[in-house]
Amino acid sequence: QVPVVESGGGLVQAGGSLRLSCVPSGGSFFNKILGWFRQVPGAEREFVASISWSGSYARYAESVKGRFTISRDNADHILYLQMNNLKPEDTAIYYCAASEKAWGPPVTAREDFGTWGQGTQVTVSS
């Protein structure tokens, strides 16, 4: 399993945008499904979005559909999460994750991802 490192979090006003990035630390994302999850204190880590190895398939949580876009650059081994029209309820620590599973049904469950980053804080002020 390859460690991953997230970046791009910060403080933004409601309605603003941020782009998160994730890169492997000392390895690659070759043939891996990638995803973003988020967590607030006292709550379970929840699914945000995932993307297949080819980038052709993606799945989103209902709460972010139409506002967030997950994408990947396989040449440079970078995963992105473009977040637009941010809301205060999007405030959380955002985690990048990698999965060895195949994209048969979409891969969205936390237990399907075996590699996690340390997270990056996103704070949306009202």
Protein backbone atom coordinates (compact mmCIF):
# COMPACT_ATOMS: atom_id res chain seq x y z
CA GLN A 1 0.00 0.00 0.00
CA VAL A 2 1.27 3.41 -0.99
CA PRO A 3 0.95 6.31 1.45
CA VAL A 4 -0.85 9.32 0.08
CA VAL A 5 -0.57 13.02 0.87
CA GLU A 6 -3.37 15.57 0.55
CA SER A 7 -3.08 19.31 0.04
CA GLY A 8 -5.20 22.29 -0.90
CA GLY A 9 -7.42 22.71 2.13
CA GLY A 10 -8.05 26.07 3.73
CA LEU A 11 -10.58 28.64 4.82
CA VAL A 12 -13.13 29.89 2.29
CA GLN A 13 -16.38 31.80 2.41
CA ALA A 14 -19.65 30.14 1.54
CA GLY A 15 -20.10 30.07 -2.21
CA GLY A 16 -16.37 29.92 -2.81
CA SER A 17 -14.21 27.20 -4.32
CA LEU A 18 -11.23 25.07 -3.38
CA ARG A 19 -9.30 22.38 -5.18
CA LEU A 20 -7.82 19.53 -3.19
CA SER A 21 -4.95 17.44 -4.50
CA CYS A 22 -3.57 14.06 -3.51
CA VAL A 23 -0.32 12.42 -4.55
CA PRO A 24 1.29 9.11 -3.66
CA SER A 25 4.30 9.24 -1.39
CA GLY A 26 6.99 7.04 -2.86
CA GLY A 27 4.79 5.03 -5.22
CA SER A 28 2.09 5.40 -7.82
CA PHE A 29 -1.65 5.29 -8.32
CA PHE A 30 -1.35 2.71 -11.08
CA ASN A 31 -4.49 0.63 -11.45
CA LYS A 32 -6.01 1.92 -8.22
CA ILE A 33 -9.45 3.31 -7.58
CA LEU A 34 -9.17 6.61 -5.72
CA GLY A 35 -11.60 8.39 -3.50
CA TRP A 36 -12.26 11.31 -1.19
CA PHE A 37 -13.89 11.03 2.21
CA ARG A 38 -14.53 13.63 4.89
CA GLN A 39 -14.99 13.64 8.62
CA VAL A 40 -16.14 16.06 11.28
CA PRO A 41 -15.45 15.56 15.00
CA GLY A 42 -17.74 13.03 16.58
CA ALA A 43 -19.04 11.69 13.28
CA GLU A 44 -18.22 8.78 11.01
CA ARG A 45 -15.92 9.30 8.06
CA GLU A 46 -18.24 9.69 5.09
CA PHE A 47 -17.87 9.07 1.39
CA VAL A 48 -17.58 12.09 -0.88
CA ALA A 49 -16.51 10.81 -4.30
CA SER A 50 -14.58 8.04 -6.03
CA ILE A 51 -13.13 7.53 -9.49
CA SER A 52 -12.10 4.52 -11.52
CA TRP A 53 -8.54 3.89 -12.69
CA SER A 54 -9.31 5.14 -16.20
CA GLY A 55 -11.16 8.17 -14.92
CA SER A 56 -14.17 7.19 -17.02
CA TYR A 57 -16.40 6.42 -14.06
CA ALA A 58 -17.09 8.44 -10.94
CA ARG A 59 -19.54 8.32 -8.10
CA TYR A 60 -20.60 11.15 -5.77
CA ALA A 61 -22.40 11.50 -2.49
CA GLU A 62 -25.79 13.13 -2.98
CA SER A 63 -24.77 16.04 -0.78
CA VAL A 64 -22.00 17.12 -3.17
CA LYS A 65 -23.41 16.10 -6.53
CA GLY A 66 -23.36 19.00 -8.97
CA ARG A 67 -20.90 20.99 -6.84
CA PHE A 68 -17.83 18.76 -6.54
CA THR A 69 -15.85 17.11 -9.33
CA ILE A 70 -13.33 14.33 -8.85
CA SER A 71 -10.64 13.84 -11.47
CA ARG A 72 -7.23 12.27 -11.86
CA ASP A 73 -4.08 12.79 -13.87
CA ASN A 74 -2.58 9.34 -14.32
CA ALA A 75 0.51 10.64 -16.08
CA ASP A 76 1.51 12.70 -13.04
CA HIS A 77 -0.22 10.52 -10.43
CA ILE A 78 -2.43 13.25 -9.00
CA LEU A 79 -5.98 13.02 -7.72
CA TYR A 80 -8.10 16.16 -7.55
CA LEU A 81 -11.31 17.25 -5.93
CA GLN A 82 -12.69 20.50 -7.32
CA MET A 83 -15.18 21.92 -4.83
CA ASN A 84 -17.46 24.73 -5.97
CA ASN A 85 -20.31 26.54 -4.28
CA LEU A 86 -19.03 25.46 -0.90
CA LYS A 87 -21.38 25.45 2.06
CA PRO A 88 -20.67 25.66 5.80
CA GLU A 89 -21.77 22.03 6.10
CA ASP A 90 -18.87 21.04 3.85
CA THR A 91 -16.50 21.95 6.68
CA ALA A 92 -14.52 18.83 7.55
CA ILE A 93 -11.18 17.12 7.30
CA TYR A 94 -10.92 15.68 3.81
CA TYR A 95 -9.08 12.42 3.25
CA CYS A 96 -7.70 10.89 0.09
CA ALA A 97 -7.86 7.10 -0.16
CA ALA A 98 -6.78 4.37 -2.55
CA SER A 99 -8.41 1.01 -3.23
CA GLU A 100 -7.16 -2.20 -4.78
CA LYS A 101 -10.69 -3.22 -5.77
CA ALA A 102 -12.00 -3.37 -9.31
CA TRP A 103 -14.72 -0.99 -10.44
CA GLY A 104 -17.54 -3.49 -10.94
CA PRO A 105 -20.18 -1.86 -8.84
CA PRO A 106 -18.85 1.61 -7.86
CA VAL A 107 -16.40 1.55 -4.98
CA THR A 108 -17.71 3.84 -2.25
CA ALA A 109 -17.48 2.04 1.09
CA ARG A 110 -14.85 3.13 3.56
CA GLU A 111 -13.78 -0.48 4.16
CA ASP A 112 -12.97 -0.88 0.46
CA PHE A 113 -10.11 1.61 0.76
CA GLY A 114 -6.91 0.36 2.35
CA THR A 115 -4.68 3.41 2.07
CA TRP A 116 -5.41 6.77 3.68
CA GLY A 117 -3.73 10.13 3.93
CA GLN A 118 -3.46 12.35 6.99
CA GLY A 119 -6.20 14.65 5.76
CA THR A 120 -6.50 18.32 4.93
CA GLN A 121 -8.81 20.73 6.73
CA VAL A 122 -11.51 22.55 4.78
CA THR A 123 -13.39 25.29 6.62
CA VAL A 124 -16.29 27.14 5.03
CA SER A 125 -17.47 30.27 6.79
CA SER A 126 -21.02 31.57 6.47
